[in-house]
């Protein structure tokens, strides 16, 4: 997709001057880190990052050498395996007279809209009910774009069953599910780009629940302790950490092996490998205005640290819905809060970084509500392919 850099530049008008200044500072930190050979890691959340094209933009920044590692959710892994976004035909499931599993809320049933070649690939590995597909195609309903896989037949079922096989392959090779899945993923996904460039892509422990069997298979592929250790090594090597519309990050950026906020202190006492957030830049992109409130309170009077020192409940003190990640974030000297729509913030920040580093992106995302964003979503549906079991097995055998 040819990037529309003029449209991206125009997005700056949608941002408050203070937040545009924060984005400029964030871009400066990223550029400075890359110019001195440093590393940038992204901590992504789920749904909005997929729908706004942010995960696809992150994959492109991985290809360009800007981003050196990613943490994400099991739901995003499942969606990327399905092709990131796809079209489904959504119908009244009661008219299909299905037997077996109950219908979800609203009694809808979905057919993944896919070409004959993709259907044939799936049918080589699992039974595909073509009569059911035909009946759904002939039933009145709506065609919508949504996160790929999920409840769409047969893609959702295919990924659920395939996850068990990938987990078994991962365990026999002492690898993560994400590493093996990346071998069959489209290179325009974070999973696929991680495999192509040997960059870590890891699901965090708080984000393991999601993506159905995919999430369970990811969790089963390596132990929780090993996953925490791998995540800590990724974050330890990062100069800049970007958090994008993600919750529970206190358990990510300052988890069981991090010492600056204190949670990893006893691990260090007992000889475990630990790391520190001290000296790192932590950029958080989030719509929650409470993030700015708490950050300002710490900047102005060290109020967050004072509350912690006195053992006071921060929710009552600041009179905002206080999510735990705000504590570690606000107290970190290198933290930069960007309160805004990730669909706007990411392309603006990416354009500035690419321009400063002399890079030419082949893809830049746009907010989904804009004409460019709608075209972007269609492009993702049409161009990013779903997981290829054949490609995964070929690459696994070559590596053996």
Protein backbone atom coordinates (compact mmCIF):
# COMPACT_ATOMS: atom_id res chain seq x y z
CA UNK A 1 0.00 0.00 0.00
CA UNK A 2 1.59 3.27 -1.12
CA UNK A 3 1.86 5.53 1.96
CA UNK A 4 -0.03 8.82 1.73
CA UNK A 5 2.46 10.96 3.65
CA UNK A 6 0.53 14.17 2.98
CA UNK A 7 -2.56 12.67 4.62
CA UNK A 8 -0.43 11.56 7.57
CA UNK A 9 1.02 15.06 7.92
CA UNK A 10 -2.53 16.47 7.92
CA UNK A 11 -3.39 14.25 10.91
CA UNK A 12 -1.27 16.51 13.08
CA UNK A 13 -4.08 19.07 12.97
CA UNK A 14 -6.25 16.63 14.96
CA UNK A 15 -3.85 16.60 17.89
CA UNK A 16 -3.68 19.04 20.77
CA UNK A 17 -0.46 21.08 20.67
CA UNK A 18 0.72 19.58 23.97
CA UNK A 19 0.27 16.03 22.65
CA UNK A 20 1.94 16.89 19.34
CA UNK A 21 4.91 18.13 21.37
CA UNK A 22 4.93 14.82 23.27
CA UNK A 23 4.94 12.89 20.00
CA UNK A 24 7.85 15.02 18.80
CA UNK A 25 9.73 14.21 22.01
CA UNK A 26 8.90 10.52 21.66
CA UNK A 27 10.15 10.53 18.05
CA UNK A 28 13.35 12.26 19.19
CA UNK A 29 14.00 9.55 21.79
CA UNK A 30 13.42 6.79 19.23
CA UNK A 31 15.69 8.41 16.66
CA UNK A 32 18.42 9.09 19.22
CA UNK A 33 18.31 5.47 20.37
CA UNK A 34 18.55 4.09 16.83
CA UNK A 35 21.34 6.46 15.82
CA UNK A 36 23.52 5.24 18.68
CA UNK A 37 22.72 1.58 17.95
CA UNK A 38 20.08 1.24 20.67
CA UNK A 39 16.94 -0.87 20.67
CA UNK A 40 13.23 -0.06 20.59
CA UNK A 41 10.60 -2.50 21.87
CA UNK A 42 6.81 -2.19 21.56
CA UNK A 43 4.24 -3.49 24.04
CA UNK A 44 0.96 -3.81 22.13
CA UNK A 45 -2.56 -4.39 23.25
CA UNK A 46 -5.27 -6.16 21.33
CA UNK A 47 -8.29 -5.00 19.28
CA UNK A 48 -7.69 -1.31 18.51
CA UNK A 49 -4.10 -1.99 17.44
CA UNK A 50 -5.38 -4.47 14.84
CA UNK A 51 -8.31 -2.38 13.57
CA UNK A 52 -6.28 0.82 13.25
CA UNK A 53 -3.54 -0.91 11.23
CA UNK A 54 -1.04 -0.33 14.05
CA UNK A 55 0.15 -3.95 14.21
CA UNK A 56 0.76 -3.83 10.44
CA UNK A 57 2.66 -0.56 10.85
CA UNK A 58 4.75 -2.10 13.64
CA UNK A 59 5.61 -5.00 11.32
CA UNK A 60 6.78 -2.49 8.70
CA UNK A 61 8.89 -0.66 11.29
CA UNK A 62 10.40 -4.03 12.24
CA UNK A 63 11.27 -4.57 8.55
CA UNK A 64 12.90 -1.14 8.44
CA UNK A 65 15.00 -1.84 11.54
CA UNK A 66 13.28 0.71 13.78
CA UNK A 67 11.57 -1.78 16.12
CA UNK A 68 13.63 -4.61 17.58
CA UNK A 69 11.06 -6.64 19.50
CA UNK A 70 7.35 -6.83 20.31
CA UNK A 71 5.15 -8.07 23.10
CA UNK A 72 1.50 -8.61 22.31
CA UNK A 73 -1.62 -10.58 23.23
CA UNK A 74 -2.66 -14.09 22.30
CA UNK A 75 -5.70 -12.57 20.57
CA UNK A 76 -3.42 -10.55 18.28
CA UNK A 77 -1.42 -13.70 17.48
CA UNK A 78 -4.63 -15.45 16.47
CA UNK A 79 -5.75 -12.48 14.38
CA UNK A 80 -2.39 -12.22 12.61
CA UNK A 81 -2.52 -15.94 11.84
CA UNK A 82 -5.94 -15.36 10.30
CA UNK A 83 -4.60 -12.52 8.13
CA UNK A 84 -5.04 -9.58 10.58
CA UNK A 85 -8.41 -8.45 9.19
CA UNK A 86 -10.86 -10.40 7.09
CA UNK A 87 -14.37 -10.13 5.70
CA UNK A 88 -17.11 -12.28 7.15
CA UNK A 89 -20.68 -12.84 6.12
CA UNK A 90 -22.75 -12.60 9.31
CA UNK A 91 -26.14 -14.33 9.28
CA UNK A 92 -28.87 -15.48 11.66
CA UNK A 93 -27.49 -18.80 12.88
CA UNK A 94 -30.92 -20.14 13.88
CA UNK A 95 -31.89 -20.39 10.20
CA UNK A 96 -28.95 -22.76 9.58
CA UNK A 97 -30.28 -25.35 12.06
CA UNK A 98 -26.78 -26.09 13.35
CA UNK A 99 -26.10 -28.91 15.78
CA UNK A 100 -23.35 -28.98 18.39
CA UNK A 101 -21.97 -25.80 19.96
CA UNK A 102 -24.40 -23.06 21.05
CA UNK A 103 -24.60 -19.82 19.11
CA UNK A 104 -23.04 -16.70 20.64
CA UNK A 105 -25.00 -13.71 21.91
CA UNK A 106 -27.27 -12.45 19.14
CA UNK A 107 -27.45 -15.94 17.54
CA UNK A 108 -25.13 -14.86 14.73
CA UNK A 109 -22.96 -17.19 12.71
CA UNK A 110 -20.15 -16.02 10.44
CA UNK A 111 -18.62 -17.28 7.22
CA UNK A 112 -15.07 -16.18 6.46
CA UNK A 113 -15.03 -14.71 2.95
CA UNK A 114 -12.05 -16.37 1.24
CA UNK A 115 -10.91 -17.45 -2.19
CA UNK A 116 -11.05 -21.05 -3.46
CA UNK A 117 -7.28 -21.50 -3.08
CA UNK A 118 -7.39 -20.72 0.63
CA UNK A 119 -10.37 -23.02 1.15
CA UNK A 120 -8.49 -25.80 -0.66
CA UNK A 121 -5.44 -25.29 1.57
CA UNK A 122 -7.58 -25.62 4.68
CA UNK A 123 -9.39 -28.66 3.29
CA UNK A 124 -6.08 -30.52 2.87
CA UNK A 125 -5.63 -30.50 6.64
CA UNK A 126 -9.13 -30.58 8.14
CA UNK A 127 -12.67 -31.41 6.99
CA UNK A 128 -14.41 -28.36 5.55
CA UNK A 129 -18.20 -28.39 5.35
CA UNK A 130 -18.64 -26.85 1.91
CA UNK A 131 -22.40 -27.39 2.06
CA UNK A 132 -22.53 -25.26 5.21
CA UNK A 133 -20.43 -22.60 3.51
CA UNK A 134 -22.81 -22.61 0.54
CA UNK A 135 -25.87 -22.31 2.78
CA UNK A 136 -24.36 -19.35 4.67
CA UNK A 137 -23.40 -17.66 1.39
CA UNK A 138 -27.03 -17.96 0.25
CA UNK A 139 -28.53 -16.73 3.54
CA UNK A 140 -29.39 -13.03 3.88
CA UNK A 141 -26.83 -11.21 6.02
CA UNK A 142 -24.22 -8.49 6.22
CA UNK A 143 -20.58 -8.59 5.06
CA UNK A 144 -18.30 -6.74 7.46
CA UNK A 145 -14.57 -6.34 8.09
CA UNK A 146 -13.44 -7.58 11.50
CA UNK A 147 -10.40 -9.02 13.25
CA UNK A 148 -9.43 -12.18 11.37
CA UNK A 149 -10.16 -15.72 12.48
CA UNK A 150 -12.20 -15.55 15.66
CA UNK A 151 -15.78 -16.80 15.10
CA UNK A 152 -15.64 -17.01 11.31
CA UNK A 153 -16.09 -20.47 9.73
CA UNK A 154 -13.88 -22.17 8.69
CA UNK A 155 -10.91 -19.90 9.52
CA UNK A 156 -11.62 -19.65 13.24
CA UNK A 157 -11.97 -23.41 13.62
CA UNK A 158 -8.86 -23.99 11.51
CA UNK A 159 -6.73 -21.79 13.77
CA UNK A 160 -8.13 -23.45 16.91
CA UNK A 161 -7.18 -26.91 15.67
CA UNK A 162 -3.87 -25.81 14.17
CA UNK A 163 -2.81 -24.21 17.47
CA UNK A 164 -2.48 -27.63 19.11
CA UNK A 165 -0.09 -28.80 16.38
CA UNK A 166 2.01 -25.63 16.59
CA UNK A 167 2.31 -25.95 20.37
CA UNK A 168 3.54 -29.55 20.01
CA UNK A 169 6.15 -28.47 17.44
CA UNK A 170 7.27 -25.65 19.74
CA UNK A 171 7.72 -27.94 22.72
CA UNK A 172 9.81 -30.46 20.79
CA UNK A 173 12.14 -27.63 19.71
CA UNK A 174 12.27 -25.73 23.03
CA UNK A 175 10.76 -22.78 21.18
CA UNK A 176 7.81 -20.51 21.82
CA UNK A 177 4.51 -20.92 20.00
CA UNK A 178 5.09 -17.46 18.55
CA UNK A 179 8.43 -18.47 16.99
CA UNK A 180 6.94 -21.50 15.22
CA UNK A 181 3.76 -19.67 14.18
CA UNK A 182 5.89 -16.89 12.70
CA UNK A 183 7.31 -19.36 10.18
CA UNK A 184 3.92 -19.67 8.50
CA UNK A 185 2.68 -16.12 9.02
CA UNK A 186 2.54 -13.41 6.36
CA UNK A 187 5.73 -11.26 6.50
CA UNK A 188 3.53 -8.16 6.82
CA UNK A 189 2.51 -9.30 10.28
CA UNK A 190 4.51 -8.83 13.47
CA UNK A 191 4.73 -12.63 13.79
CA UNK A 192 5.97 -13.08 10.25
CA UNK A 193 8.44 -10.21 10.41
CA UNK A 194 9.78 -11.49 13.72
CA UNK A 195 10.52 -14.85 12.12
CA UNK A 196 11.99 -13.23 9.00
CA UNK A 197 14.42 -11.04 10.94
CA UNK A 198 15.00 -13.14 14.05
CA UNK A 199 13.31 -10.59 16.31
CA UNK A 200 11.46 -11.60 19.47
CA UNK A 201 7.66 -11.52 19.38
CA UNK A 202 6.23 -12.66 22.70
CA UNK A 203 2.80 -12.77 24.31
CA UNK A 204 2.91 -11.31 27.80
CA UNK A 205 1.64 -13.28 30.77
CA UNK A 206 -1.34 -10.96 31.51
CA UNK A 207 -2.37 -11.25 27.84
CA UNK A 208 -2.33 -15.04 27.55
CA UNK A 209 -6.10 -15.33 27.96
CA UNK A 210 -7.53 -14.63 24.52
CA UNK A 211 -7.67 -16.14 21.07
CA UNK A 212 -9.38 -19.31 22.32
CA UNK A 213 -7.21 -22.40 21.94
CA UNK A 214 -4.45 -20.24 20.46
CA UNK A 215 -4.03 -18.55 23.84
CA UNK A 216 -3.99 -21.88 25.66
CA UNK A 217 -1.45 -23.28 23.20
CA UNK A 218 0.79 -20.23 23.61
CA UNK A 219 0.65 -20.64 27.36
CA UNK A 220 1.43 -24.35 27.14
CA UNK A 221 4.39 -23.97 24.77
CA UNK A 222 6.82 -22.74 27.45
CA UNK A 223 6.55 -22.32 31.22
CA UNK A 224 5.33 -19.09 32.79
CA UNK A 225 8.73 -18.60 34.42
CA UNK A 226 10.57 -18.98 31.12
CA UNK A 227 8.13 -16.60 29.44
CA UNK A 228 8.76 -14.01 32.18
CA UNK A 229 12.52 -14.46 31.76
CA UNK A 230 12.34 -14.03 27.97
CA UNK A 231 10.20 -10.93 28.35
CA UNK A 232 12.60 -9.46 30.90
CA UNK A 233 15.56 -10.04 28.56
CA UNK A 234 13.73 -8.26 25.76
CA UNK A 235 12.89 -5.28 27.96
CA UNK A 236 16.37 -5.25 29.53
CA UNK A 237 17.90 -4.71 26.09
CA UNK A 238 15.53 -1.90 25.17
CA UNK A 239 16.45 1.78 25.35
CA UNK A 240 12.90 2.81 24.44
CA UNK A 241 9.67 0.96 25.29
CA UNK A 242 6.46 2.03 23.54
CA UNK A 243 3.16 0.92 25.10
CA UNK A 244 0.24 1.01 22.68
CA UNK A 245 -3.34 0.78 24.00
CA UNK A 246 -2.56 -2.01 26.44
CA UNK A 247 -3.72 -2.73 29.99
CA UNK A 248 -1.94 -4.41 32.91
CA UNK A 249 1.45 -3.10 31.86
CA UNK A 250 2.73 -2.91 35.43
CA UNK A 251 2.90 -6.71 35.21
CA UNK A 252 4.76 -6.31 31.90
CA UNK A 253 7.26 -3.45 32.13
CA UNK A 254 8.03 -3.98 35.82
CA UNK A 255 7.22 -7.66 36.26
CA UNK A 256 8.85 -10.25 38.50
CA UNK A 257 12.46 -9.54 37.40
CA UNK A 258 12.50 -5.71 37.32
CA UNK A 259 14.34 -3.99 40.18
CA UNK A 260 13.87 -0.21 39.79
CA UNK A 261 10.25 -0.25 40.98
CA UNK A 262 11.12 -3.01 43.44
CA UNK A 263 9.16 -6.03 42.25
CA UNK A 264 12.27 -7.99 41.26
CA UNK A 265 14.29 -7.24 44.37
CA UNK A 266 13.89 -10.67 45.94
CA UNK A 267 14.62 -12.35 42.62
CA UNK A 268 17.95 -10.48 42.55
CA UNK A 269 18.65 -11.55 46.15
CA UNK A 270 18.18 -15.15 45.11
CA UNK A 271 20.50 -14.98 42.11
CA UNK A 272 17.97 -14.69 39.27
CA UNK A 273 18.71 -12.60 36.20
CA UNK A 274 17.03 -9.22 36.64
CA UNK A 275 16.92 -5.83 34.89
CA UNK A 276 16.09 -2.22 35.66
CA UNK A 277 13.84 0.35 34.00
CA UNK A 278 16.13 3.11 35.25
CA UNK A 279 17.39 5.25 32.38
CA UNK A 280 14.89 3.88 29.86
CA UNK A 281 12.33 5.91 27.93
CA UNK A 282 8.79 4.63 28.43
CA UNK A 283 6.25 6.03 25.93
CA UNK A 284 2.61 5.25 26.60
CA UNK A 285 -0.11 5.89 24.01
CA UNK A 286 -3.56 5.69 25.61
CA UNK A 287 -6.95 7.39 25.43
CA UNK A 288 -7.37 7.43 29.22
CA UNK A 289 -7.09 11.06 30.45
CA UNK A 290 -6.33 9.74 33.95
CA UNK A 291 -2.87 8.86 32.63
CA UNK A 292 -2.12 12.56 32.15
CA UNK A 293 -3.63 13.46 35.54
CA UNK A 294 -1.49 10.99 37.44
CA UNK A 295 1.66 11.77 35.43
CA UNK A 296 1.25 15.50 36.06
CA UNK A 297 0.73 14.87 39.77
CA UNK A 298 4.05 13.05 39.91
CA UNK A 299 5.85 15.64 37.78
CA UNK A 300 4.59 18.55 39.87
CA UNK A 301 5.00 17.20 43.38
CA UNK A 302 6.14 13.56 43.30
CA UNK A 303 2.67 12.72 44.61
CA UNK A 304 2.63 9.15 43.34
CA UNK A 305 5.91 8.28 45.02
CA UNK A 306 4.78 10.05 48.19
CA UNK A 307 1.59 8.00 48.28
CA UNK A 308 3.58 4.80 47.85
CA UNK A 309 6.04 5.83 50.55
CA UNK A 310 3.15 6.39 52.99
CA UNK A 311 1.17 3.33 51.89
CA UNK A 312 -1.81 5.46 50.82
CA UNK A 313 -4.49 4.28 48.35
CA UNK A 314 -3.80 6.15 45.12
CA UNK A 315 -7.32 5.83 43.73
CA UNK A 316 -8.78 7.96 46.54
CA UNK A 317 -5.82 10.32 46.63
CA UNK A 318 -6.02 11.35 42.97
CA UNK A 319 -9.79 10.88 42.58
CA UNK A 320 -9.37 9.06 39.23
CA UNK A 321 -9.84 5.40 38.21
CA UNK A 322 -6.26 4.45 39.01
CA UNK A 323 -4.97 1.57 36.93
CA UNK A 324 -1.93 -0.04 38.47
CA UNK A 325 0.33 0.56 35.47
CA UNK A 326 0.09 4.30 36.08
CA UNK A 327 2.21 3.90 39.21
CA UNK A 328 5.34 2.51 37.61
CA UNK A 329 4.86 4.66 34.52
CA UNK A 330 4.40 7.99 36.31
CA UNK A 331 7.39 7.42 38.61
CA UNK A 332 9.79 6.60 35.78
CA UNK A 333 11.88 9.68 34.97
CA UNK A 334 11.90 8.90 31.24
CA UNK A 335 8.13 8.42 30.86
CA UNK A 336 6.23 10.22 28.09
CA UNK A 337 2.41 10.06 28.16
CA UNK A 338 0.62 10.58 24.85
CA UNK A 339 -3.13 10.79 25.44
CA UNK A 340 -4.80 10.28 22.09
CA UNK A 341 -6.18 7.94 19.45
CA UNK A 342 -3.52 5.35 18.51
CA UNK A 343 -4.91 5.46 14.97
CA UNK A 344 -3.72 9.07 14.76
CA UNK A 345 -0.67 9.00 17.03
CA UNK A 346 1.14 6.05 15.45
CA UNK A 347 1.25 7.23 11.81
CA UNK A 348 2.26 10.75 12.90
CA UNK A 349 5.06 9.38 15.06
CA UNK A 350 6.16 6.82 12.43
CA UNK A 351 6.35 9.46 9.69
CA UNK A 352 8.56 11.67 11.82
CA UNK A 353 10.86 8.80 12.79
CA UNK A 354 11.18 7.50 9.23
CA UNK A 355 11.89 10.97 7.87
CA UNK A 356 14.59 11.63 10.47
CA UNK A 357 16.26 8.26 9.84
CA UNK A 358 16.05 8.55 6.05
CA UNK A 359 13.78 5.51 5.69
CA UNK A 360 11.10 4.88 3.07
CA UNK A 361 8.12 2.99 4.52
CA UNK A 362 6.08 0.81 2.20
CA UNK A 363 3.12 1.05 4.56
CA UNK A 364 1.83 3.65 7.02
CA UNK A 365 -1.47 3.21 8.82
CA UNK A 366 -4.37 5.67 8.90
CA UNK A 367 -7.27 6.08 11.36
CA UNK A 368 -9.99 3.64 10.39
CA UNK A 369 -12.68 6.36 10.27
CA UNK A 370 -10.92 8.25 7.45
CA UNK A 371 -11.16 7.44 3.71
CA UNK A 372 -7.47 6.44 3.78
CA UNK A 373 -8.15 4.24 6.80
CA UNK A 374 -11.03 2.50 5.09
CA UNK A 375 -8.85 1.87 2.03
CA UNK A 376 -6.11 0.59 4.37
CA UNK A 377 -8.48 -1.93 5.94
CA UNK A 378 -9.53 -3.20 2.51
CA UNK A 379 -5.85 -3.50 1.57
CA UNK A 380 -5.10 -5.56 4.68
CA UNK A 381 -8.04 -7.86 3.93
CA UNK A 382 -6.94 -8.37 0.32
CA UNK A 383 -3.16 -8.47 0.67
CA UNK A 384 -2.19 -9.99 4.02
CA UNK A 385 -2.53 -13.74 3.76
CA UNK A 386 -3.68 -16.13 6.44
CA UNK A 387 -1.36 -18.64 8.07
CA UNK A 388 0.28 -21.20 5.76
CA UNK A 389 0.76 -24.60 7.36
CA UNK A 390 2.76 -25.74 4.33
CA UNK A 391 5.19 -22.84 4.69
CA UNK A 392 5.59 -23.46 8.41
CA UNK A 393 6.39 -27.14 7.92
CA UNK A 394 8.81 -26.40 5.08
CA UNK A 395 10.73 -23.93 7.21
CA UNK A 396 10.66 -26.14 10.31
CA UNK A 397 12.13 -29.04 8.31
CA UNK A 398 14.81 -26.80 6.81
CA UNK A 399 15.82 -25.72 10.31
CA UNK A 400 16.06 -29.30 11.60
